C-alpha atoms as a PDB file:
ATOM      1  CA  MET A   1     147.555 -15.752  28.924  1.00  0.00           C
ATOM      2  CA  LYS A   2     149.218 -12.429  28.078  1.00  0.00           C
ATOM      3  CA  ARG A   3     151.613 -13.932  26.009  1.00  0.00           C
ATOM      4  CA  ILE A   4     149.190 -16.124  23.907  1.00  0.00           C
ATOM      5  CA  PHE A   5     147.489 -12.831  23.328  1.00  0.00           C
ATOM      6  CA  ILE A   6     150.652 -11.326  21.799  1.00  0.00           C
ATOM      7  CA  LEU A   7     151.496 -14.526  19.823  1.00  0.00           C
ATOM      8  CA  LEU A   8     147.918 -13.894  18.246  1.00  0.00           C
ATOM      9  CA  ILE A   9     148.153 -10.526  17.350  1.00  0.00           C
ATOM     10  CA  VAL A  10     151.613 -11.425  15.512  1.00  0.00           C
ATOM     11  CA  LEU A  11     150.635 -14.292  13.876  1.00  0.00           C
ATOM     12  CA  ALA A  12     147.218 -12.215  12.628  1.00  0.00           C
ATOM     13  CA  CYS A  13     150.012  -9.412  11.551  1.00  0.00           C
ATOM     14  CA  THR A  14     152.020 -12.043   9.776  1.00  0.00           C
ATOM     15  CA  GLN A  15     148.977 -13.354   7.721  1.00  0.00           C
ATOM     16  CA  ASN A  16     147.679 -10.090   6.677  1.00  0.00           C
ATOM     17  CA  LEU A  17     151.220  -8.704   5.594  1.00  0.00           C
ATOM     18  CA  SER A  18     151.536 -12.413   3.682  1.00  0.00           C
ATOM     19  CA  ALA A  19     148.090 -11.621   1.859  1.00  0.00           C
ATOM     20  CA  GLN A  20     149.180  -8.296   0.849  1.00  0.00           C
ATOM     21  CA  LEU A  21     152.352  -9.348  -0.452  1.00  0.00           C
ATOM     22  CA  PHE A  22     151.050 -12.417  -2.570  1.00  0.00           C
ATOM     23  CA  THR A  23     147.685 -11.796  -3.449  1.00  0.00           C
ATOM     24  CA  LYS A  24     146.941  -8.154  -3.746  1.00  0.00           C
ATOM     25  CA  GLU A  25     146.679  -6.982  -7.318  1.00  0.00           C
ATOM     26  CA  LYS A  26     149.231  -4.841  -8.781  1.00  0.00           C
ATOM     27  CA  VAL A  27     149.444  -2.418 -11.579  1.00  0.00           C
ATOM     28  CA  GLN A  28     149.780  -4.115 -14.903  1.00  0.00           C
ATOM     29  CA  ASN A  29     152.330  -3.106 -17.456  1.00  0.00           C
ATOM     30  CA  LEU A  30     151.429  -3.081 -21.233  1.00  0.00           C
ATOM     31  CA  GLN A  31     147.932  -4.213 -20.244  1.00  0.00           C
ATOM     32  CA  ASN A  32     147.090  -4.066 -24.182  1.00  0.00           C
ATOM     33  CA  PHE A  33     150.045  -5.815 -25.349  1.00  0.00           C
ATOM     34  CA  ASP A  34     148.831  -9.327 -26.199  1.00  0.00           C
ATOM     35  CA  LYS A  35     145.391  -7.885 -27.899  1.00  0.00           C
ATOM     36  CA  PRO A  36     146.673  -7.669 -31.599  1.00  0.00           C
ATOM     37  CA  ARG A  37     146.597 -10.718 -33.877  1.00  0.00           C
ATOM     38  CA  PHE A  38     150.084 -10.626 -34.797  1.00  0.00           C
ATOM     39  CA  SER A  39     153.022  -9.417 -32.973  1.00  0.00           C
ATOM     40  CA  TYR A  40     156.944  -9.431 -33.625  1.00  0.00           C
ATOM     41  CA  GLY A  41     160.324  -9.452 -31.843  1.00  0.00           C
ATOM     42  CA  TYR A  42     163.852 -10.700 -31.965  1.00  0.00           C
ATOM     43  CA  ILE A  43     165.801 -13.520 -30.083  1.00  0.00           C
ATOM     44  CA  LEU A  44     169.485 -13.647 -28.492  1.00  0.00           C
ATOM     45  CA  GLY A  45     170.534 -16.995 -26.577  1.00  0.00           C
ATOM     46  CA  PHE A  46     172.730 -19.859 -25.927  1.00  0.00           C
ATOM     47  CA  ASN A  47     172.644 -23.223 -27.402  1.00  0.00           C
ATOM     48  CA  PHE A  48     174.333 -26.214 -25.952  1.00  0.00           C
ATOM     49  CA  TYR A  49     174.439 -29.014 -28.610  1.00  0.00           C
ATOM     50  CA  ASP A  50     175.364 -32.452 -28.205  1.00  0.00           C
ATOM     51  CA  PHE A  51     175.419 -35.807 -29.830  1.00  0.00           C
ATOM     52  CA  ASN A  52     173.318 -39.142 -29.390  1.00  0.00           C
ATOM     53  CA  PHE A  53     175.251 -42.488 -30.773  1.00  0.00           C
ATOM     54  CA  ASP A  54     173.636 -45.449 -31.411  1.00  0.00           C
ATOM     55  CA  TYR A  55     176.120 -48.365 -32.257  1.00  0.00           C
ATOM     56  CA  THR A  56     175.537 -51.293 -34.514  1.00  0.00           C
ATOM     57  CA  ALA A  57     175.183 -54.647 -33.079  1.00  0.00           C
ATOM     58  CA  ASP A  58     178.667 -56.045 -33.889  1.00  0.00           C
ATOM     59  CA  ALA A  59     180.266 -53.208 -32.633  1.00  0.00           C
ATOM     60  CA  PRO A  60     182.915 -53.974 -29.749  1.00  0.00           C
ATOM     61  CA  LEU A  61     181.677 -53.905 -26.268  1.00  0.00           C
ATOM     62  CA  ASP A  62     183.977 -50.943 -25.503  1.00  0.00           C
ATOM     63  CA  THR A  63     183.051 -48.974 -28.332  1.00  0.00           C
ATOM     64  CA  ASP A  64     182.339 -45.384 -27.062  1.00  0.00           C
ATOM     65  CA  ILE A  65     182.830 -42.139 -28.797  1.00  0.00           C
ATOM     66  CA  ILE A  66     183.495 -39.316 -26.150  1.00  0.00           C
ATOM     67  CA  HIS A  67     181.655 -36.012 -27.467  1.00  0.00           C
ATOM     68  CA  ASP A  68     182.478 -32.810 -25.647  1.00  0.00           C
ATOM     69  CA  ALA A  69     179.711 -30.256 -26.112  1.00  0.00           C
ATOM     70  CA  SER A  70     180.375 -26.400 -25.670  1.00  0.00           C
ATOM     71  CA  THR A  71     178.373 -23.471 -25.370  1.00  0.00           C
ATOM     72  CA  GLY A  72     177.192 -21.689 -28.593  1.00  0.00           C
ATOM     73  CA  PHE A  73     175.209 -18.446 -29.513  1.00  0.00           C
ATOM     74  CA  SER A  74     171.975 -17.805 -31.329  1.00  0.00           C
ATOM     75  CA  VAL A  75     170.340 -15.003 -32.916  1.00  0.00           C
ATOM     76  CA  GLY A  76     166.992 -14.799 -34.506  1.00  0.00           C
ATOM     77  CA  LEU A  77     163.513 -13.461 -35.165  1.00  0.00           C
ATOM     78  CA  LEU A  78     160.028 -13.873 -33.729  1.00  0.00           C
ATOM     79  CA  GLY A  79     156.742 -14.258 -35.339  1.00  0.00           C
ATOM     80  CA  ASN A  80     153.646 -14.565 -33.121  1.00  0.00           C
ATOM     81  CA  MET A  81     150.233 -15.310 -33.998  1.00  0.00           C
ATOM     82  CA  ARG A  82     147.754 -14.998 -31.293  1.00  0.00           C
ATOM     83  CA  ILE A  83     144.657 -17.804 -31.561  1.00  0.00           C
ATOM     84  CA  ASN A  84     143.237 -16.570 -28.177  1.00  0.00           C
ATOM     85  CA  ASP A  85     144.353 -15.766 -24.361  1.00  0.00           C
ATOM     86  CA  TYR A  86     146.052 -19.090 -23.944  1.00  0.00           C
ATOM     87  CA  LEU A  87     147.366 -20.193 -27.278  1.00  0.00           C
ATOM     88  CA  ASP A  88     149.853 -18.604 -29.574  1.00  0.00           C
ATOM     89  CA  LEU A  89     151.549 -19.973 -32.887  1.00  0.00           C
ATOM     90  CA  ARG A  90     155.192 -19.069 -33.146  1.00  0.00           C
ATOM     91  CA  LEU A  91     157.565 -18.715 -35.660  1.00  0.00           C
ATOM     92  CA  GLU A  92     161.311 -18.368 -34.658  1.00  0.00           C
ATOM     93  CA  PRO A  93     163.782 -18.467 -37.541  1.00  0.00           C
ATOM     94  CA  MET A  94     167.438 -18.237 -36.052  1.00  0.00           C
ATOM     95  CA  VAL A  95     171.016 -18.793 -36.837  1.00  0.00           C
ATOM     96  CA  THR A  96     172.923 -20.749 -34.651  1.00  0.00           C
ATOM     97  CA  PHE A  97     176.780 -21.393 -33.971  1.00  0.00           C
ATOM     98  CA  ASN A  98     178.316 -24.164 -31.818  1.00  0.00           C
ATOM     99  CA  THR A  99     181.573 -26.517 -32.147  1.00  0.00           C
ATOM    100  CA  ARG A 100     181.352 -30.103 -30.870  1.00  0.00           C
ATOM    101  CA  ASN A 101     184.782 -32.355 -30.280  1.00  0.00           C
ATOM    102  CA  LEU A 102     184.520 -35.950 -31.068  1.00  0.00           C
ATOM    103  CA  GLU A 103     187.177 -38.285 -29.856  1.00  0.00           C
ATOM    104  CA  PHE A 104     187.136 -41.917 -31.527  1.00  0.00           C
ATOM    105  CA  SER A 105     189.214 -44.673 -29.314  1.00  0.00           C
ATOM    106  CA  ASN A 106     190.958 -47.136 -31.755  1.00  0.00           C
ATOM    107  CA  PRO A 107     194.354 -48.831 -30.838  1.00  0.00           C
ATOM    108  CA  GLU A 108     195.582 -47.726 -34.706  1.00  0.00           C
ATOM    109  CA  PHE A 109     195.370 -43.798 -33.674  1.00  0.00           C
ATOM    110  CA  THR A 110     198.678 -42.608 -32.308  1.00  0.00           C
ATOM    111  CA  SER A 111     197.751 -39.015 -32.090  1.00  0.00           C
ATOM    112  CA  ASN A 112     194.984 -36.447 -31.333  1.00  0.00           C
ATOM    113  CA  LEU A 113     195.094 -35.617 -35.381  1.00  0.00           C
ATOM    114  CA  GLN A 114     193.821 -38.914 -35.959  1.00  0.00           C
ATOM    115  CA  SER A 115     191.450 -39.809 -33.141  1.00  0.00           C
ATOM    116  CA  VAL A 116     189.977 -35.981 -32.526  1.00  0.00           C
ATOM    117  CA  ARG A 117     187.173 -34.413 -35.057  1.00  0.00           C
ATOM    118  CA  GLU A 118     186.243 -30.961 -34.376  1.00  0.00           C
ATOM    119  CA  VAL A 119     182.691 -30.199 -35.909  1.00  0.00           C
ATOM    120  CA  LYS A 120     181.981 -26.970 -36.383  1.00  0.00           C
ATOM    121  CA  SER A 121     178.161 -26.173 -37.034  1.00  0.00           C
ATOM    122  CA  THR A 122     176.197 -22.912 -38.415  1.00  0.00           C
ATOM    123  CA  TYR A 123     172.618 -23.954 -38.472  1.00  0.00           C
ATOM    124  CA  VAL A 124     170.098 -22.117 -39.849  1.00  0.00           C
ATOM    125  CA  HIS A 125     167.160 -23.187 -37.832  1.00  0.00           C
ATOM    126  CA  ILE A 126     163.388 -22.788 -38.122  1.00  0.00           C
ATOM    127  CA  PRO A 127     161.166 -23.914 -35.445  1.00  0.00           C
ATOM    128  CA  LEU A 128     157.233 -23.931 -35.704  1.00  0.00           C
ATOM    129  CA  LEU A 129     156.144 -24.005 -32.104  1.00  0.00           C
ATOM    130  CA  LEU A 130     152.498 -23.849 -30.153  1.00  0.00           C
ATOM    131  CA  LYS A 131     152.970 -21.838 -26.917  1.00  0.00           C
ATOM    132  CA  VAL A 132     150.406 -22.672 -23.986  1.00  0.00           C
ATOM    133  CA  SER A 133     149.970 -19.967 -21.513  1.00  0.00           C
ATOM    134  CA  THR A 134     148.472 -19.699 -18.385  1.00  0.00           C
ATOM    135  CA  LYS A 135     146.397 -16.851 -16.955  1.00  0.00           C
ATOM    136  CA  ARG A 136     148.116 -13.772 -16.616  1.00  0.00           C
ATOM    137  CA  ILE A 137     149.291 -13.022 -13.034  1.00  0.00           C
ATOM    138  CA  ASN A 138     150.114  -9.251 -12.537  1.00  0.00           C
ATOM    139  CA  ASN A 139     153.168  -8.823 -14.828  1.00  0.00           C
ATOM    140  CA  ILE A 140     153.959 -12.379 -15.211  1.00  0.00           C
ATOM    141  CA  LYS A 141     152.524 -15.303 -17.844  1.00  0.00           C
ATOM    142  CA  PRO A 142     154.197 -18.862 -17.481  1.00  0.00           C
ATOM    143  CA  PHE A 143     154.000 -20.947 -20.513  1.00  0.00           C
ATOM    144  CA  ILE A 144     155.021 -24.460 -22.042  1.00  0.00           C
ATOM    145  CA  VAL A 145     156.053 -24.702 -25.534  1.00  0.00           C
ATOM    146  CA  GLY A 146     156.533 -27.465 -28.241  1.00  0.00           C
ATOM    147  CA  GLY A 147     156.530 -28.179 -32.000  1.00  0.00           C
ATOM    148  CA  VAL A 148     158.424 -29.351 -34.848  1.00  0.00           C
ATOM    149  CA  SER A 149     161.622 -27.563 -36.756  1.00  0.00           C
ATOM    150  CA  THR A 150     163.772 -28.097 -39.407  1.00  0.00           C
ATOM    151  CA  SER A 151     167.494 -26.808 -40.019  1.00  0.00           C
ATOM    152  CA  ILE A 152     170.047 -26.208 -42.759  1.00  0.00           C
ATOM    153  CA  ASN A 153     173.669 -27.034 -41.507  1.00  0.00           C
ATOM    154  CA  LEU A 154     175.794 -24.768 -43.705  1.00  0.00           C
ATOM    155  CA  SER A 155     179.225 -26.452 -42.325  1.00  0.00           C
ATOM    156  CA  SER A 156     177.731 -29.912 -43.070  1.00  0.00           C
ATOM    157  CA  ASN A 157     180.501 -31.342 -45.436  1.00  0.00           C
ATOM    158  CA  GLU A 158     177.587 -33.598 -47.135  1.00  0.00           C
ATOM    159  CA  ASP A 159     179.045 -33.026 -50.494  1.00  0.00           C
ATOM    160  CA  ASN A 160     182.700 -32.840 -49.673  1.00  0.00           C
ATOM    161  CA  PRO A 161     184.479 -35.975 -51.321  1.00  0.00           C
ATOM    162  CA  ASP A 162     186.966 -36.216 -48.380  1.00  0.00           C
ATOM    163  CA  ASP A 163     185.995 -38.049 -45.648  1.00  0.00           C
ATOM    164  CA  ASN A 164     187.793 -38.819 -42.001  1.00  0.00           C
ATOM    165  CA  SER A 165     190.560 -40.449 -43.868  1.00  0.00           C
ATOM    166  CA  ALA A 166     191.547 -37.103 -45.022  1.00  0.00           C
ATOM    167  CA  GLY A 167     190.362 -35.181 -42.029  1.00  0.00           C
ATOM    168  CA  GLN A 168     186.931 -34.550 -43.031  1.00  0.00           C
ATOM    169  CA  PHE A 169     183.752 -35.024 -40.693  1.00  0.00           C
ATOM    170  CA  ARG A 170     180.422 -35.078 -42.665  1.00  0.00           C
ATOM    171  CA  MET A 171     177.151 -34.685 -41.683  1.00  0.00           C
ATOM    172  CA  LYS A 172     173.541 -34.330 -43.731  1.00  0.00           C
ATOM    173  CA  THR A 173     172.642 -30.718 -44.261  1.00  0.00           C
ATOM    174  CA  ASN A 174     169.149 -31.098 -43.406  1.00  0.00           C
ATOM    175  CA  THR A 175     167.623 -32.412 -40.209  1.00  0.00           C
ATOM    176  CA  ASN A 176     164.160 -32.260 -38.732  1.00  0.00           C
ATOM    177  CA  TYR A 177     163.638 -31.883 -34.801  1.00  0.00           C
ATOM    178  CA  TYR A 178     160.919 -32.032 -32.283  1.00  0.00           C
ATOM    179  CA  GLU A 179     160.997 -29.334 -29.427  1.00  0.00           C
ATOM    180  CA  ILE A 180     159.724 -28.820 -26.022  1.00  0.00           C
ATOM    181  CA  GLY A 181     160.277 -26.340 -23.330  1.00  0.00           C
ATOM    182  CA  PHE A 182     159.428 -23.417 -20.992  1.00  0.00           C
ATOM    183  CA  GLY A 183     159.353 -19.980 -20.083  1.00  0.00           C
ATOM    184  CA  VAL A 184     157.877 -17.284 -18.627  1.00  0.00           C
ATOM    185  CA  ASP A 185     156.578 -13.742 -20.201  1.00  0.00           C
ATOM    186  CA  LEU A 186     157.839 -10.779 -17.743  1.00  0.00           C
ATOM    187  CA  TYR A 187     155.857  -7.316 -18.653  1.00  0.00           C
ATOM    188  CA  LEU A 188     157.951  -4.713 -18.038  1.00  0.00           C
ATOM    189  CA  HIS A 189     157.453  -0.973 -18.125  1.00  0.00           C
ATOM    190  CA  TYR A 190     158.539  -0.366 -22.331  1.00  0.00           C
ATOM    191  CA  PHE A 191     158.670  -4.130 -23.334  1.00  0.00           C
ATOM    192  CA  LYS A 192     158.051  -7.976 -22.860  1.00  0.00           C
ATOM    193  CA  PHE A 193     160.818  -9.699 -21.974  1.00  0.00           C
ATOM    194  CA  THR A 194     160.579 -13.637 -22.285  1.00  0.00           C
ATOM    195  CA  PRO A 195     163.463 -15.737 -20.824  1.00  0.00           C
ATOM    196  CA  SER A 196     162.644 -19.612 -22.009  1.00  0.00           C
ATOM    197  CA  ILE A 197     164.559 -23.123 -22.163  1.00  0.00           C
ATOM    198  CA  ARG A 198     163.940 -25.667 -25.040  1.00  0.00           C
ATOM    199  CA  GLY A 199     165.098 -29.028 -25.582  1.00  0.00           C
ATOM    200  CA  VAL A 200     165.854 -29.853 -29.255  1.00  0.00           C
ATOM    201  CA  PHE A 201     166.060 -33.468 -30.226  1.00  0.00           C
ATOM    202  CA  ALA A 202     166.880 -34.554 -34.017  1.00  0.00           C
ATOM    203  CA  MET A 203     164.511 -37.288 -35.540  1.00  0.00           C
ATOM    204  CA  SER A 204     166.786 -38.895 -38.051  1.00  0.00           C
ATOM    205  CA  ASP A 205     170.141 -40.206 -38.529  1.00  0.00           C
ATOM    206  CA  GLU A 206     172.759 -37.211 -39.249  1.00  0.00           C
ATOM    207  CA  LEU A 207     175.654 -39.178 -40.276  1.00  0.00           C
ATOM    208  CA  ILE A 208     177.442 -39.508 -43.616  1.00  0.00           C
ATOM    209  CA  LYS A 209     179.448 -42.549 -43.592  1.00  0.00           C
ATOM    210  CA  ASP A 210     182.934 -42.779 -44.737  1.00  0.00           C
ATOM    211  CA  ASN A 211     183.906 -44.380 -47.971  1.00  0.00           C
ATOM    212  CA  ASP A 212     185.684 -47.293 -46.470  1.00  0.00           C
ATOM    213  CA  PRO A 213     182.989 -49.708 -45.027  1.00  0.00           C
ATOM    214  CA  ASN A 214     185.308 -50.790 -42.264  1.00  0.00           C
ATOM    215  CA  SER A 215     186.229 -47.247 -41.260  1.00  0.00           C
ATOM    216  CA  PRO A 216     187.417 -46.980 -37.895  1.00  0.00           C
ATOM    217  CA  TYR A 217     185.634 -43.696 -37.684  1.00  0.00           C
ATOM    218  CA  THR A 218     181.812 -44.697 -38.653  1.00  0.00           C
ATOM    219  CA  SER A 219     181.663 -48.404 -38.923  1.00  0.00           C
ATOM    220  CA  THR A 220     180.471 -48.930 -35.648  1.00  0.00           C
ATOM    221  CA  ILE A 221     177.793 -46.005 -35.768  1.00  0.00           C
ATOM    222  CA  ASP A 222     174.184 -47.130 -36.490  1.00  0.00           C
ATOM    223  CA  LYS A 223     172.555 -43.799 -35.732  1.00  0.00           C
ATOM    224  CA  MET A 224     174.274 -40.174 -34.964  1.00  0.00           C
ATOM    225  CA  SER A 225     171.377 -37.695 -34.078  1.00  0.00           C
ATOM    226  CA  THR A 226     171.930 -33.841 -32.435  1.00  0.00           C
ATOM    227  CA  ARG A 227     170.317 -33.330 -29.049  1.00  0.00           C
ATOM    228  CA  GLY A 228     170.369 -29.956 -27.447  1.00  0.00           C
ATOM    229  CA  VAL A 229     169.387 -27.184 -25.296  1.00  0.00           C
ATOM    230  CA  PHE A 230     168.408 -23.655 -26.227  1.00  0.00           C
ATOM    231  CA  ILE A 231     168.528 -20.778 -23.331  1.00  0.00           C
ATOM    232  CA  ASN A 232     166.718 -17.699 -25.225  1.00  0.00           C
ATOM    233  CA  PHE A 233     165.879 -14.441 -24.203  1.00  0.00           C
ATOM    234  CA  THR A 234     162.985 -12.796 -26.454  1.00  0.00           C
ATOM    235  CA  PHE A 235     162.469  -8.990 -26.674  1.00  0.00           C
ATOM    236  CA  GLN A 236     159.182  -7.610 -27.909  1.00  0.00           C
END
């Protein structure tokens, strides 16, 4: 009986401690930070660009372009318009840098100089996003975000007359995307810090085909579109 009594006391103390840790309100930092109609900030982050390939109906069954994605860097600005306590409209122009390697399989290729193409990309990326937030809980506020974006690829080679036969891989300069992601606002003592992760998916074909319709590089590709992941850190 004594053991049962002690166990009940321990359980009661544990429940009381748990309630204090997880339900007790804390002092809120930056209590009026989200009140202004407009707010601004800057963005630093990483990006992981990749390609999605759709092949033509008559492409050989073993057709496969190996694409090796790498980690890139992003820097940008944030313009935020508050709609209400739960909705914000955001403009996030940024510059992103990335390099992707493509390896084409063809019996005619005898060296990496022929089979591998390095695709260096510098994008001016401009997304317009709707941010949907939950109610603020102490100093955190989770959210989801989605919208559309457009980009200008400054390294596209679209107007270059040389193609893969001369070692030049060409892409379209302008691309449109849809984006979706999530993150959390952290209200620190002096500023708001927001880590987020977002998927980026191109809505159109980005490939400029080679001049030769039977090119071993592009003749089997029906559509090539970018997909990527952005990991952003926003400071306001």
